[in-house]
């Protein structure tokens, strides 16, 4: 884990599988069509526009990794979560990079997924 652009705490895509095994929660903040097309099998889906209304889903005793397509939207969510005293990290490079480090990306029907 390191500081990314604008001092946003970030993780590298090659670290994600180990961090999930250690108990970090992967949160995909992309839109529904992006999620349906392809997402990490262990991620939960809360679109960026629904984060505020789902704040009760986040707990201060857990660590969260936020991901979007390229890392921009998830960086904004990460910074917001930190301002709310939630331990949060942005995934550098987003799903576009993560797909190079895992085979656990599927569409909503369980088929190999695509990142759109």
PDB file of N, CA and C in Angstrom:
ATOM      1  N   UNK A   1       0.851  -1.168   0.000  1.00  0.00           N
ATOM      2  CA  UNK A   1       0.000   0.000   0.000  1.00  0.00           C
ATOM      3  C   UNK A   1       0.897   1.231   0.000  1.00  0.00           C
ATOM      4  N   UNK A   2       0.496   2.239  -0.752  1.00  0.00           N
ATOM      5  CA  UNK A   2       1.311   3.444  -0.900  1.00  0.00           C
ATOM      6  C   UNK A   2       0.409   4.637  -1.147  1.00  0.00           C
ATOM      7  N   UNK A   3       1.030   5.811  -1.231  1.00  0.00           N
ATOM      8  CA  UNK A   3       0.272   7.015  -1.562  1.00  0.00           C
ATOM      9  C   UNK A   3       0.283   7.192  -3.067  1.00  0.00           C
ATOM     10  N   UNK A   4      -0.892   7.401  -3.642  1.00  0.00           N
ATOM     11  CA  UNK A   4      -1.019   7.597  -5.076  1.00  0.00           C
ATOM     12  C   UNK A   4      -1.109   9.071  -5.414  1.00  0.00           C
ATOM     13  N   UNK A   5      -1.702   9.363  -6.553  1.00  0.00           N
ATOM     14  CA  UNK A   5      -1.875  10.735  -7.011  1.00  0.00           C
ATOM     15  C   UNK A   5      -2.605  11.534  -5.946  1.00  0.00           C
ATOM     16  N   UNK A   6      -2.142  12.752  -5.701  1.00  0.00           N
ATOM     17  CA  UNK A   6      -2.757  13.650  -4.713  1.00  0.00           C
ATOM     18  C   UNK A   6      -2.799  13.037  -3.318  1.00  0.00           C
ATOM     19  N   UNK A   7      -1.825  12.193  -2.999  1.00  0.00           N
ATOM     20  CA  UNK A   7      -1.699  11.582  -1.674  1.00  0.00           C
ATOM     21  C   UNK A   7      -2.871  10.679  -1.299  1.00  0.00           C
ATOM     22  N   UNK A   8      -3.566  10.144  -2.272  1.00  0.00           N
ATOM     23  CA  UNK A   8      -4.630   9.178  -2.001  1.00  0.00           C
ATOM     24  C   UNK A   8      -3.979   7.826  -1.719  1.00  0.00           C
ATOM     25  N   UNK A   9      -4.258   7.217  -0.565  1.00  0.00           N
ATOM     26  CA  UNK A   9      -3.698   5.884  -0.312  1.00  0.00           C
ATOM     27  C   UNK A   9      -4.155   4.914  -1.399  1.00  0.00           C
ATOM     28  N   UNK A  10      -3.223   4.129  -1.909  1.00  0.00           N
ATOM     29  CA  UNK A  10      -3.577   3.236  -3.006  1.00  0.00           C
ATOM     30  C   UNK A  10      -2.921   1.875  -2.844  1.00  0.00           C
ATOM     31  N   UNK A  11      -3.467   0.913  -3.564  1.00  0.00           N
ATOM     32  CA  UNK A  11      -2.894  -0.423  -3.653  1.00  0.00           C
ATOM     33  C   UNK A  11      -2.681  -0.724  -5.128  1.00  0.00           C
ATOM     34  N   UNK A  12      -1.734  -1.589  -5.387  1.00  0.00           N
ATOM     35  CA  UNK A  12      -1.457  -2.009  -6.752  1.00  0.00           C
ATOM     36  C   UNK A  12      -2.321  -3.226  -7.085  1.00  0.00           C
ATOM     37  N   UNK A  13      -2.702  -3.376  -8.340  1.00  0.00           N
ATOM     38  CA  UNK A  13      -3.558  -4.501  -8.719  1.00  0.00           C
ATOM     39  C   UNK A  13      -2.984  -5.869  -8.338  1.00  0.00           C
ATOM     40  N   UNK A  14      -1.659  -5.997  -8.378  1.00  0.00           N
ATOM     41  CA  UNK A  14      -1.055  -7.290  -8.035  1.00  0.00           C
ATOM     42  C   UNK A  14      -1.129  -7.602  -6.539  1.00  0.00           C
ATOM     43  N   UNK A  15      -1.545  -6.647  -5.713  1.00  0.00           N
ATOM     44  CA  UNK A  15      -1.685  -6.855  -4.272  1.00  0.00           C
ATOM     45  C   UNK A  15      -3.102  -7.262  -3.867  1.00  0.00           C
ATOM     46  N   UNK A  16      -4.058  -7.069  -4.749  1.00  0.00           N
ATOM     47  CA  UNK A  16      -5.472  -7.168  -4.382  1.00  0.00           C
ATOM     48  C   UNK A  16      -5.875  -8.545  -3.871  1.00  0.00           C
ATOM     49  N   UNK A  17      -5.487  -9.607  -4.544  1.00  0.00           N
ATOM     50  CA  UNK A  17      -5.902 -10.950  -4.113  1.00  0.00           C
ATOM     51  C   UNK A  17      -5.437 -11.229  -2.688  1.00  0.00           C
ATOM     52  N   UNK A  18      -4.192 -10.894  -2.369  1.00  0.00           N
ATOM     53  CA  UNK A  18      -3.690 -11.110  -1.008  1.00  0.00           C
ATOM     54  C   UNK A  18      -4.435 -10.256   0.002  1.00  0.00           C
ATOM     55  N   UNK A  19      -4.726  -9.013  -0.353  1.00  0.00           N
ATOM     56  CA  UNK A  19      -5.437  -8.123   0.565  1.00  0.00           C
ATOM     57  C   UNK A  19      -6.861  -8.610   0.834  1.00  0.00           C
ATOM     58  N   UNK A  20      -7.516  -9.150  -0.180  1.00  0.00           N
ATOM     59  CA  UNK A  20      -8.854  -9.724   0.017  1.00  0.00           C
ATOM     60  C   UNK A  20      -8.758 -10.911   0.980  1.00  0.00           C
ATOM     61  N   UNK A  21      -7.749 -11.764   0.784  1.00  0.00           N
ATOM     62  CA  UNK A  21      -7.563 -12.914   1.681  1.00  0.00           C
ATOM     63  C   UNK A  21      -7.300 -12.468   3.113  1.00  0.00           C
ATOM     64  N   UNK A  22      -6.672 -11.298   3.273  1.00  0.00           N
ATOM     65  CA  UNK A  22      -6.388 -10.758   4.604  1.00  0.00           C
ATOM     66  C   UNK A  22      -7.600 -10.060   5.217  1.00  0.00           C
ATOM     67  N   UNK A  23      -8.694  -9.946   4.462  1.00  0.00           N
ATOM     68  CA  UNK A  23      -9.917  -9.388   5.014  1.00  0.00           C
ATOM     69  C   UNK A  23     -10.345  -8.039   4.470  1.00  0.00           C
ATOM     70  N   UNK A  24      -9.586  -7.460   3.549  1.00  0.00           N
ATOM     71  CA  UNK A  24     -10.017  -6.197   2.937  1.00  0.00           C
ATOM     72  C   UNK A  24     -11.261  -6.446   2.089  1.00  0.00           C
ATOM     73  N   UNK A  25     -12.128  -5.455   2.042  1.00  0.00           N
ATOM     74  CA  UNK A  25     -13.358  -5.540   1.259  1.00  0.00           C
ATOM     75  C   UNK A  25     -13.154  -4.759  -0.035  1.00  0.00           C
ATOM     76  N   UNK A  26     -13.355  -5.416  -1.168  1.00  0.00           N
ATOM     77  CA  UNK A  26     -13.233  -4.780  -2.474  1.00  0.00           C
ATOM     78  C   UNK A  26     -14.595  -4.226  -2.870  1.00  0.00           C
ATOM     79  N   UNK A  27     -14.652  -2.917  -3.133  1.00  0.00           N
ATOM     80  CA  UNK A  27     -15.904  -2.246  -3.476  1.00  0.00           C
ATOM     81  C   UNK A  27     -15.777  -1.660  -4.877  1.00  0.00           C
ATOM     82  N   UNK A  28     -16.613  -2.119  -5.780  1.00  0.00           N
ATOM     83  CA  UNK A  28     -16.636  -1.651  -7.165  1.00  0.00           C
ATOM     84  C   UNK A  28     -17.642  -0.508  -7.262  1.00  0.00           C
ATOM     85  N   UNK A  29     -17.167   0.684  -7.643  1.00  0.00           N
ATOM     86  CA  UNK A  29     -18.035   1.870  -7.680  1.00  0.00           C
ATOM     87  C   UNK A  29     -18.484   2.228  -9.095  1.00  0.00           C
ATOM     88  N   UNK A  30     -18.292   1.321 -10.049  1.00  0.00           N
ATOM     89  CA  UNK A  30     -18.702   1.592 -11.425  1.00  0.00           C
ATOM     90  C   UNK A  30     -20.218   1.513 -11.567  1.00  0.00           C
ATOM     91  N   UNK A  31     -20.695   1.959 -12.706  1.00  0.00           N
ATOM     92  CA  UNK A  31     -22.132   1.937 -12.997  1.00  0.00           C
ATOM     93  C   UNK A  31     -22.598   0.507 -13.259  1.00  0.00           C
ATOM     94  N   UNK A  32     -23.915   0.310 -13.226  1.00  0.00           N
ATOM     95  CA  UNK A  32     -24.495  -1.026 -13.364  1.00  0.00           C
ATOM     96  C   UNK A  32     -24.071  -1.742 -14.638  1.00  0.00           C
ATOM     97  N   UNK A  33     -24.046  -1.045 -15.775  1.00  0.00           N
ATOM     98  CA  UNK A  33     -23.677  -1.711 -17.025  1.00  0.00           C
ATOM     99  C   UNK A  33     -22.221  -2.162 -17.008  1.00  0.00           C
ATOM    100  N   UNK A  34     -21.355  -1.388 -16.361  1.00  0.00           N
ATOM    101  CA  UNK A  34     -19.943  -1.766 -16.252  1.00  0.00           C
ATOM    102  C   UNK A  34     -19.800  -3.008 -15.370  1.00  0.00           C
ATOM    103  N   UNK A  35     -20.512  -3.017 -14.248  1.00  0.00           N
ATOM    104  CA  UNK A  35     -20.490  -4.151 -13.319  1.00  0.00           C
ATOM    105  C   UNK A  35     -21.010  -5.411 -14.003  1.00  0.00           C
ATOM    106  N   UNK A  36     -22.143  -5.294 -14.690  1.00  0.00           N
ATOM    107  CA  UNK A  36     -22.766  -6.442 -15.342  1.00  0.00           C
ATOM    108  C   UNK A  36     -21.843  -7.061 -16.383  1.00  0.00           C
ATOM    109  N   UNK A  37     -21.089  -6.231 -17.084  1.00  0.00           N
ATOM    110  CA  UNK A  37     -20.194  -6.698 -18.135  1.00  0.00           C
ATOM    111  C   UNK A  37     -19.004  -7.484 -17.583  1.00  0.00           C
ATOM    112  N   UNK A  38     -18.505  -7.073 -16.420  1.00  0.00           N
ATOM    113  CA  UNK A  38     -17.369  -7.777 -15.833  1.00  0.00           C
ATOM    114  C   UNK A  38     -16.944  -7.168 -14.515  1.00  0.00           C
ATOM    115  N   UNK A  39     -16.855  -8.001 -13.483  1.00  0.00           N
ATOM    116  CA  UNK A  39     -16.457  -7.543 -12.152  1.00  0.00           C
ATOM    117  C   UNK A  39     -15.693  -8.649 -11.437  1.00  0.00           C
ATOM    118  N   UNK A  40     -14.946  -8.270 -10.418  1.00  0.00           N
ATOM    119  CA  UNK A  40     -14.222  -9.250  -9.610  1.00  0.00           C
ATOM    120  C   UNK A  40     -15.242 -10.046  -8.801  1.00  0.00           C
ATOM    121  N   UNK A  41     -15.084 -11.341  -8.787  1.00  0.00           N
ATOM    122  CA  UNK A  41     -16.054 -12.227  -8.146  1.00  0.00           C
ATOM    123  C   UNK A  41     -16.214 -11.942  -6.648  1.00  0.00           C
ATOM    124  N   UNK A  42     -15.194 -11.397  -5.989  1.00  0.00           N
ATOM    125  CA  UNK A  42     -15.270 -11.126  -4.556  1.00  0.00           C
ATOM    126  C   UNK A  42     -15.643  -9.690  -4.223  1.00  0.00           C
ATOM    127  N   UNK A  43     -15.941  -8.885  -5.227  1.00  0.00           N
ATOM    128  CA  UNK A  43     -16.280  -7.473  -4.984  1.00  0.00           C
ATOM    129  C   UNK A  43     -17.747  -7.320  -4.602  1.00  0.00           C
ATOM    130  N   UNK A  44     -18.013  -6.235  -3.877  1.00  0.00           N
ATOM    131  CA  UNK A  44     -19.394  -5.809  -3.693  1.00  0.00           C
ATOM    132  C   UNK A  44     -19.603  -4.602  -4.598  1.00  0.00           C
ATOM    133  N   UNK A  45     -20.836  -4.378  -4.997  1.00  0.00           N
ATOM    134  CA  UNK A  45     -21.117  -3.311  -5.959  1.00  0.00           C
ATOM    135  C   UNK A  45     -21.945  -2.220  -5.315  1.00  0.00           C
ATOM    136  N   UNK A  46     -21.352  -1.037  -5.233  1.00  0.00           N
ATOM    137  CA  UNK A  46     -22.082   0.157  -4.813  1.00  0.00           C
ATOM    138  C   UNK A  46     -21.653   1.270  -5.763  1.00  0.00           C
ATOM    139  N   UNK A  47     -22.487   1.608  -6.748  1.00  0.00           N
ATOM    140  CA  UNK A  47     -22.113   2.662  -7.690  1.00  0.00           C
ATOM    141  C   UNK A  47     -21.757   3.963  -6.964  1.00  0.00           C
ATOM    142  N   UNK A  48     -20.840   4.708  -7.535  1.00  0.00           N
ATOM    143  CA  UNK A  48     -20.371   5.946  -6.925  1.00  0.00           C
ATOM    144  C   UNK A  48     -21.524   6.848  -6.502  1.00  0.00           C
ATOM    145  N   UNK A  49     -22.529   6.967  -7.327  1.00  0.00           N
ATOM    146  CA  UNK A  49     -23.666   7.827  -7.028  1.00  0.00           C
ATOM    147  C   UNK A  49     -24.532   7.350  -5.873  1.00  0.00           C
ATOM    148  N   UNK A  50     -24.299   6.127  -5.398  1.00  0.00           N
ATOM    149  CA  UNK A  50     -25.088   5.569  -4.302  1.00  0.00           C
ATOM    150  C   UNK A  50     -24.292   5.414  -3.008  1.00  0.00           C
ATOM    151  N   UNK A  51     -23.047   5.866  -3.015  1.00  0.00           N
ATOM    152  CA  UNK A  51     -22.189   5.722  -1.834  1.00  0.00           C
ATOM    153  C   UNK A  51     -22.796   6.418  -0.621  1.00  0.00           C
ATOM    154  N   UNK A  52     -23.229   7.662  -0.783  1.00  0.00           N
ATOM    155  CA  UNK A  52     -23.739   8.435   0.354  1.00  0.00           C
ATOM    156  C   UNK A  52     -24.919   7.733   1.026  1.00  0.00           C
ATOM    157  N   UNK A  53     -25.828   7.192   0.236  1.00  0.00           N
ATOM    158  CA  UNK A  53     -27.005   6.549   0.820  1.00  0.00           C
ATOM    159  C   UNK A  53     -26.699   5.164   1.381  1.00  0.00           C
ATOM    160  N   UNK A  54     -25.490   4.672   1.137  1.00  0.00           N
ATOM    161  CA  UNK A  54     -25.093   3.359   1.645  1.00  0.00           C
ATOM    162  C   UNK A  54     -23.985   3.439   2.689  1.00  0.00           C
ATOM    163  N   UNK A  55     -23.806   4.589   3.304  1.00  0.00           N
ATOM    164  CA  UNK A  55     -22.729   4.752   4.282  1.00  0.00           C
ATOM    165  C   UNK A  55     -22.848   3.776   5.450  1.00  0.00           C
ATOM    166  N   UNK A  56     -24.056   3.331   5.756  1.00  0.00           N
ATOM    167  CA  UNK A  56     -24.210   2.374   6.855  1.00  0.00           C
ATOM    168  C   UNK A  56     -23.629   1.001   6.516  1.00  0.00           C
ATOM    169  N   UNK A  57     -23.241   0.785   5.262  1.00  0.00           N
ATOM    170  CA  UNK A  57     -22.608  -0.468   4.845  1.00  0.00           C
ATOM    171  C   UNK A  57     -21.125  -0.507   5.195  1.00  0.00           C
ATOM    172  N   UNK A  58     -20.561   0.638   5.563  1.00  0.00           N
ATOM    173  CA  UNK A  58     -19.126   0.746   5.828  1.00  0.00           C
ATOM    174  C   UNK A  58     -18.871   0.869   7.323  1.00  0.00           C
ATOM    175  N   UNK A  59     -17.833   0.168   7.783  1.00  0.00           N
ATOM    176  CA  UNK A  59     -17.540   0.111   9.212  1.00  0.00           C
ATOM    177  C   UNK A  59     -16.094   0.520   9.475  1.00  0.00           C
ATOM    178  N   UNK A  60     -15.868   1.229  10.562  1.00  0.00           N
ATOM    179  CA  UNK A  60     -14.539   1.741  10.871  1.00  0.00           C
ATOM    180  C   UNK A  60     -13.542   0.645  11.218  1.00  0.00           C
ATOM    181  N   UNK A  61     -13.993  -0.538  11.540  1.00  0.00           N
ATOM    182  CA  UNK A  61     -13.065  -1.615  11.882  1.00  0.00           C
ATOM    183  C   UNK A  61     -12.704  -2.490  10.680  1.00  0.00           C
ATOM    184  N   UNK A  62     -13.100  -2.078   9.483  1.00  0.00           N
ATOM    185  CA  UNK A  62     -12.769  -2.819   8.265  1.00  0.00           C
ATOM    186  C   UNK A  62     -11.935  -1.955   7.331  1.00  0.00           C
ATOM    187  N   UNK A  63     -11.214  -2.621   6.425  1.00  0.00           N
ATOM    188  CA  UNK A  63     -10.419  -1.932   5.408  1.00  0.00           C
ATOM    189  C   UNK A  63     -11.100  -2.143   4.060  1.00  0.00           C
ATOM    190  N   UNK A  64     -11.152  -1.074   3.267  1.00  0.00           N
ATOM    191  CA  UNK A  64     -11.834  -1.116   1.976  1.00  0.00           C
ATOM    192  C   UNK A  64     -10.893  -0.722   0.852  1.00  0.00           C
ATOM    193  N   UNK A  65     -11.018  -1.432  -0.259  1.00  0.00           N
ATOM    194  CA  UNK A  65     -10.324  -1.080  -1.493  1.00  0.00           C
ATOM    195  C   UNK A  65     -11.409  -0.691  -2.486  1.00  0.00           C
ATOM    196  N   UNK A  66     -11.304   0.515  -3.034  1.00  0.00           N
ATOM    197  CA  UNK A  66     -12.294   0.995  -3.999  1.00  0.00           C
ATOM    198  C   UNK A  66     -11.709   0.906  -5.402  1.00  0.00           C
ATOM    199  N   UNK A  67     -12.550   0.458  -6.337  1.00  0.00           N
ATOM    200  CA  UNK A  67     -12.105   0.274  -7.715  1.00  0.00           C
ATOM    201  C   UNK A  67     -13.166   0.786  -8.680  1.00  0.00           C
ATOM    202  N   UNK A  68     -12.702   1.351  -9.783  1.00  0.00           N
ATOM    203  CA  UNK A  68     -13.569   1.727 -10.905  1.00  0.00           C
ATOM    204  C   UNK A  68     -12.862   1.243 -12.170  1.00  0.00           C
ATOM    205  N   UNK A  69     -13.156   1.816 -13.291  1.00  0.00           N
ATOM    206  CA  UNK A  69     -12.540   1.359 -14.542  1.00  0.00           C
ATOM    207  C   UNK A  69     -11.051   1.674 -14.592  1.00  0.00           C
ATOM    208  N   UNK A  70     -10.688   2.934 -14.254  1.00  0.00           N
ATOM    209  CA  UNK A  70      -9.286   3.339 -14.388  1.00  0.00           C
ATOM    210  C   UNK A  70      -8.664   3.881 -13.108  1.00  0.00           C
ATOM    211  N   UNK A  71      -9.455   4.115 -12.076  1.00  0.00           N
ATOM    212  CA  UNK A  71      -8.931   4.604 -10.810  1.00  0.00           C
ATOM    213  C   UNK A  71      -9.315   6.020 -10.446  1.00  0.00           C
ATOM    214  N   UNK A  72      -9.951   6.760 -11.344  1.00  0.00           N
ATOM    215  CA  UNK A  72     -10.306   8.157 -11.062  1.00  0.00           C
ATOM    216  C   UNK A  72     -11.510   8.273 -10.137  1.00  0.00           C
ATOM    217  N   UNK A  73     -12.607   7.616 -10.491  1.00  0.00           N
ATOM    218  CA  UNK A  73     -13.806   7.678  -9.640  1.00  0.00           C
ATOM    219  C   UNK A  73     -13.530   7.071  -8.269  1.00  0.00           C
ATOM    220  N   UNK A  74     -12.836   5.952  -8.275  1.00  0.00           N
ATOM    221  CA  UNK A  74     -12.564   5.291  -6.996  1.00  0.00           C
ATOM    222  C   UNK A  74     -11.636   6.123  -6.117  1.00  0.00           C
ATOM    223  N   UNK A  75     -10.758   6.926  -6.703  1.00  0.00           N
ATOM    224  CA  UNK A  75      -9.908   7.823  -5.904  1.00  0.00           C
ATOM    225  C   UNK A  75     -10.766   8.856  -5.185  1.00  0.00           C
ATOM    226  N   UNK A  76     -11.767   9.377  -5.864  1.00  0.00           N
ATOM    227  CA  UNK A  76     -12.666  10.352  -5.233  1.00  0.00           C
ATOM    228  C   UNK A  76     -13.436   9.717  -4.082  1.00  0.00           C
ATOM    229  N   UNK A  77     -13.921   8.498  -4.292  1.00  0.00           N
ATOM    230  CA  UNK A  77     -14.644   7.799  -3.229  1.00  0.00           C
ATOM    231  C   UNK A  77     -13.697   7.490  -2.066  1.00  0.00           C
ATOM    232  N   UNK A  78     -12.488   7.058  -2.377  1.00  0.00           N
ATOM    233  CA  UNK A  78     -11.496   6.766  -1.335  1.00  0.00           C
ATOM    234  C   UNK A  78     -11.255   7.987  -0.464  1.00  0.00           C
ATOM    235  N   UNK A  79     -11.034   9.133  -1.086  1.00  0.00           N
ATOM    236  CA  UNK A  79     -10.792  10.360  -0.322  1.00  0.00           C
ATOM    237  C   UNK A  79     -12.000  10.731   0.535  1.00  0.00           C
ATOM    238  N   UNK A  80     -13.198  10.535   0.009  1.00  0.00           N
ATOM    239  CA  UNK A  80     -14.399  10.811   0.798  1.00  0.00           C
ATOM    240  C   UNK A  80     -14.467   9.877   2.010  1.00  0.00           C
ATOM    241  N   UNK A  81     -14.216   8.603   1.782  1.00  0.00           N
ATOM    242  CA  UNK A  81     -14.282   7.640   2.883  1.00  0.00           C
ATOM    243  C   UNK A  81     -13.271   7.978   3.973  1.00  0.00           C
ATOM    244  N   UNK A  82     -12.085   8.367   3.575  1.00  0.00           N
ATOM    245  CA  UNK A  82     -11.072   8.755   4.555  1.00  0.00           C
ATOM    246  C   UNK A  82     -11.570   9.941   5.376  1.00  0.00           C
ATOM    247  N   UNK A  83     -12.249  10.879   4.731  1.00  0.00           N
ATOM    248  CA  UNK A  83     -12.792  12.035   5.461  1.00  0.00           C
ATOM    249  C   UNK A  83     -13.875  11.618   6.458  1.00  0.00           C
ATOM    250  N   UNK A  84     -14.428  10.413   6.274  1.00  0.00           N
ATOM    251  CA  UNK A  84     -15.451   9.878   7.177  1.00  0.00           C
ATOM    252  C   UNK A  84     -14.853   8.870   8.173  1.00  0.00           C
ATOM    253  N   UNK A  85     -13.528   8.885   8.292  1.00  0.00           N
ATOM    254  CA  UNK A  85     -12.796   7.999   9.211  1.00  0.00           C
ATOM    255  C   UNK A  85     -12.929   6.516   8.877  1.00  0.00           C
ATOM    256  N   UNK A  86     -13.054   6.217   7.590  1.00  0.00           N
ATOM    257  CA  UNK A  86     -13.071   4.839   7.107  1.00  0.00           C
ATOM    258  C   UNK A  86     -11.702   4.554   6.500  1.00  0.00           C
ATOM    259  N   UNK A  87     -11.116   3.400   6.831  1.00  0.00           N
ATOM    260  CA  UNK A  87      -9.823   3.039   6.243  1.00  0.00           C
ATOM    261  C   UNK A  87     -10.058   2.600   4.803  1.00  0.00           C
ATOM    262  N   UNK A  88      -9.558   3.398   3.865  1.00  0.00           N
ATOM    263  CA  UNK A  88      -9.869   3.189   2.451  1.00  0.00           C
ATOM    264  C   UNK A  88      -8.625   3.343   1.593  1.00  0.00           C
ATOM    265  N   UNK A  89      -8.597   2.571   0.508  1.00  0.00           N
ATOM    266  CA  UNK A  89      -7.500   2.590  -0.454  1.00  0.00           C
ATOM    267  C   UNK A  89      -8.084   2.570  -1.857  1.00  0.00           C
ATOM    268  N   UNK A  90      -7.438   3.274  -2.753  1.00  0.00           N
ATOM    269  CA  UNK A  90      -7.820   3.279  -4.160  1.00  0.00           C
ATOM    270  C   UNK A  90      -6.987   2.234  -4.890  1.00  0.00           C
ATOM    271  N   UNK A  91      -7.606   1.480  -5.802  1.00  0.00           N
ATOM    272  CA  UNK A  91      -6.836   0.553  -6.613  1.00  0.00           C
ATOM    273  C   UNK A  91      -6.257   1.283  -7.817  1.00  0.00           C
ATOM    274  N   UNK A  92      -4.948   1.396  -7.849  1.00  0.00           N
ATOM    275  CA  UNK A  92      -4.272   2.061  -8.959  1.00  0.00           C
ATOM    276  C   UNK A  92      -4.570   1.347 -10.268  1.00  0.00           C
ATOM    277  N   UNK A  93      -4.932   2.111 -11.281  1.00  0.00           N
ATOM    278  CA  UNK A  93      -5.176   1.549 -12.600  1.00  0.00           C
ATOM    279  C   UNK A  93      -6.544   0.926 -12.790  1.00  0.00           C
ATOM    280  N   UNK A  94      -7.295   0.751 -11.710  1.00  0.00           N
ATOM    281  CA  UNK A  94      -8.654   0.238 -11.801  1.00  0.00           C
ATOM    282  C   UNK A  94      -8.770  -1.157 -12.394  1.00  0.00           C
ATOM    283  N   UNK A  95      -9.966  -1.471 -12.845  1.00  0.00           N
ATOM    284  CA  UNK A  95     -10.258  -2.785 -13.416  1.00  0.00           C
ATOM    285  C   UNK A  95      -9.451  -3.048 -14.680  1.00  0.00           C
ATOM    286  N   UNK A  96      -9.107  -1.975 -15.402  1.00  0.00           N
ATOM    287  CA  UNK A  96      -8.299  -2.148 -16.615  1.00  0.00           C
ATOM    288  C   UNK A  96      -6.970  -2.815 -16.287  1.00  0.00           C
ATOM    289  N   UNK A  97      -6.397  -2.494 -15.139  1.00  0.00           N
ATOM    290  CA  UNK A  97      -5.137  -3.104 -14.720  1.00  0.00           C
ATOM    291  C   UNK A  97      -5.357  -4.406 -13.959  1.00  0.00           C
ATOM    292  N   UNK A  98      -6.392  -4.451 -13.135  1.00  0.00           N
ATOM    293  CA  UNK A  98      -6.630  -5.654 -12.338  1.00  0.00           C
ATOM    294  C   UNK A  98      -6.805  -6.882 -13.215  1.00  0.00           C
ATOM    295  N   UNK A  99      -7.424  -6.731 -14.363  1.00  0.00           N
ATOM    296  CA  UNK A  99      -7.661  -7.893 -15.236  1.00  0.00           C
ATOM    297  C   UNK A  99      -6.360  -8.575 -15.656  1.00  0.00           C
ATOM    298  N   UNK A 100      -5.218  -7.861 -15.530  1.00  0.00           N
ATOM    299  CA  UNK A 100      -3.922  -8.453 -15.863  1.00  0.00           C
ATOM    300  C   UNK A 100      -3.362  -9.313 -14.731  1.00  0.00           C
ATOM    301  N   UNK A 101      -3.999  -9.276 -13.554  1.00  0.00           N
ATOM    302  CA  UNK A 101      -3.463  -9.965 -12.387  1.00  0.00           C
ATOM    303  C   UNK A 101      -4.411 -10.989 -11.773  1.00  0.00           C
ATOM    304  N   UNK A 102      -5.585 -11.162 -12.337  1.00  0.00           N
ATOM    305  CA  UNK A 102      -6.534 -12.134 -11.786  1.00  0.00           C
ATOM    306  C   UNK A 102      -7.387 -12.732 -12.895  1.00  0.00           C
ATOM    307  N   UNK A 103      -7.832 -13.935 -12.653  1.00  0.00           N
ATOM    308  CA  UNK A 103      -8.772 -14.595 -13.571  1.00  0.00           C
ATOM    309  C   UNK A 103     -10.177 -14.589 -12.975  1.00  0.00           C
ATOM    310  N   UNK A 104     -10.374 -13.828 -11.900  1.00  0.00           N
ATOM    311  CA  UNK A 104     -11.645 -13.822 -11.174  1.00  0.00           C
ATOM    312  C   UNK A 104     -12.577 -12.706 -11.626  1.00  0.00           C
ATOM    313  N   UNK A 105     -12.591 -12.392 -12.912  1.00  0.00           N
ATOM    314  CA  UNK A 105     -13.478 -11.358 -13.441  1.00  0.00           C
ATOM    315  C   UNK A 105     -14.546 -12.032 -14.299  1.00  0.00           C
ATOM    316  N   UNK A 106     -15.793 -11.879 -13.858  1.00  0.00           N
ATOM    317  CA  UNK A 106     -16.918 -12.533 -14.514  1.00  0.00           C
ATOM    318  C   UNK A 106     -18.029 -11.539 -14.798  1.00  0.00           C
ATOM    319  N   UNK A 107     -18.892 -11.887 -15.761  1.00  0.00           N
ATOM    320  CA  UNK A 107     -20.072 -11.061 -16.001  1.00  0.00           C
ATOM    321  C   UNK A 107     -21.179 -11.513 -15.052  1.00  0.00           C
ATOM    322  N   UNK A 108     -22.333 -10.901 -15.158  1.00  0.00           N
ATOM    323  CA  UNK A 108     -23.421 -11.187 -14.217  1.00  0.00           C
ATOM    324  C   UNK A 108     -24.018 -12.582 -14.397  1.00  0.00           C
ATOM    325  N   UNK A 109     -23.656 -13.275 -15.476  1.00  0.00           N
ATOM    326  CA  UNK A 109     -24.157 -14.629 -15.712  1.00  0.00           C
ATOM    327  C   UNK A 109     -23.119 -15.698 -15.393  1.00  0.00           C
ATOM    328  N   UNK A 110     -21.969 -15.272 -14.860  1.00  0.00           N
ATOM    329  CA  UNK A 110     -20.932 -16.224 -14.486  1.00  0.00           C
ATOM    330  C   UNK A 110     -19.956 -16.579 -15.586  1.00  0.00           C
ATOM    331  N   UNK A 111     -20.044 -15.892 -16.716  1.00  0.00           N
ATOM    332  CA  UNK A 111     -19.114 -16.110 -17.822  1.00  0.00           C
ATOM    333  C   UNK A 111     -17.906 -15.192 -17.659  1.00  0.00           C
ATOM    334  N   UNK A 112     -16.781 -15.513 -18.310  1.00  0.00           N
ATOM    335  CA  UNK A 112     -15.644 -14.593 -18.246  1.00  0.00           C
ATOM    336  C   UNK A 112     -16.087 -13.180 -18.635  1.00  0.00           C
ATOM    337  N   UNK A 113     -15.711 -12.205 -17.820  1.00  0.00           N
ATOM    338  CA  UNK A 113     -16.190 -10.839 -18.011  1.00  0.00           C
ATOM    339  C   UNK A 113     -15.279  -9.975 -18.850  1.00  0.00           C
ATOM    340  N   UNK A 114     -15.828  -8.859 -19.285  1.00  0.00           N
ATOM    341  CA  UNK A 114     -15.089  -7.842 -20.030  1.00  0.00           C
ATOM    342  C   UNK A 114     -15.163  -6.536 -19.259  1.00  0.00           C
ATOM    343  N   UNK A 115     -14.109  -5.746 -19.371  1.00  0.00           N
ATOM    344  CA  UNK A 115     -14.089  -4.440 -18.731  1.00  0.00           C
ATOM    345  C   UNK A 115     -14.464  -3.403 -19.780  1.00  0.00           C
ATOM    346  N   UNK A 116     -15.572  -2.700 -19.533  1.00  0.00           N
ATOM    347  CA  UNK A 116     -16.005  -1.664 -20.478  1.00  0.00           C
ATOM    348  C   UNK A 116     -15.878  -0.303 -19.835  1.00  0.00           C
TER     349      UNK A 116
END
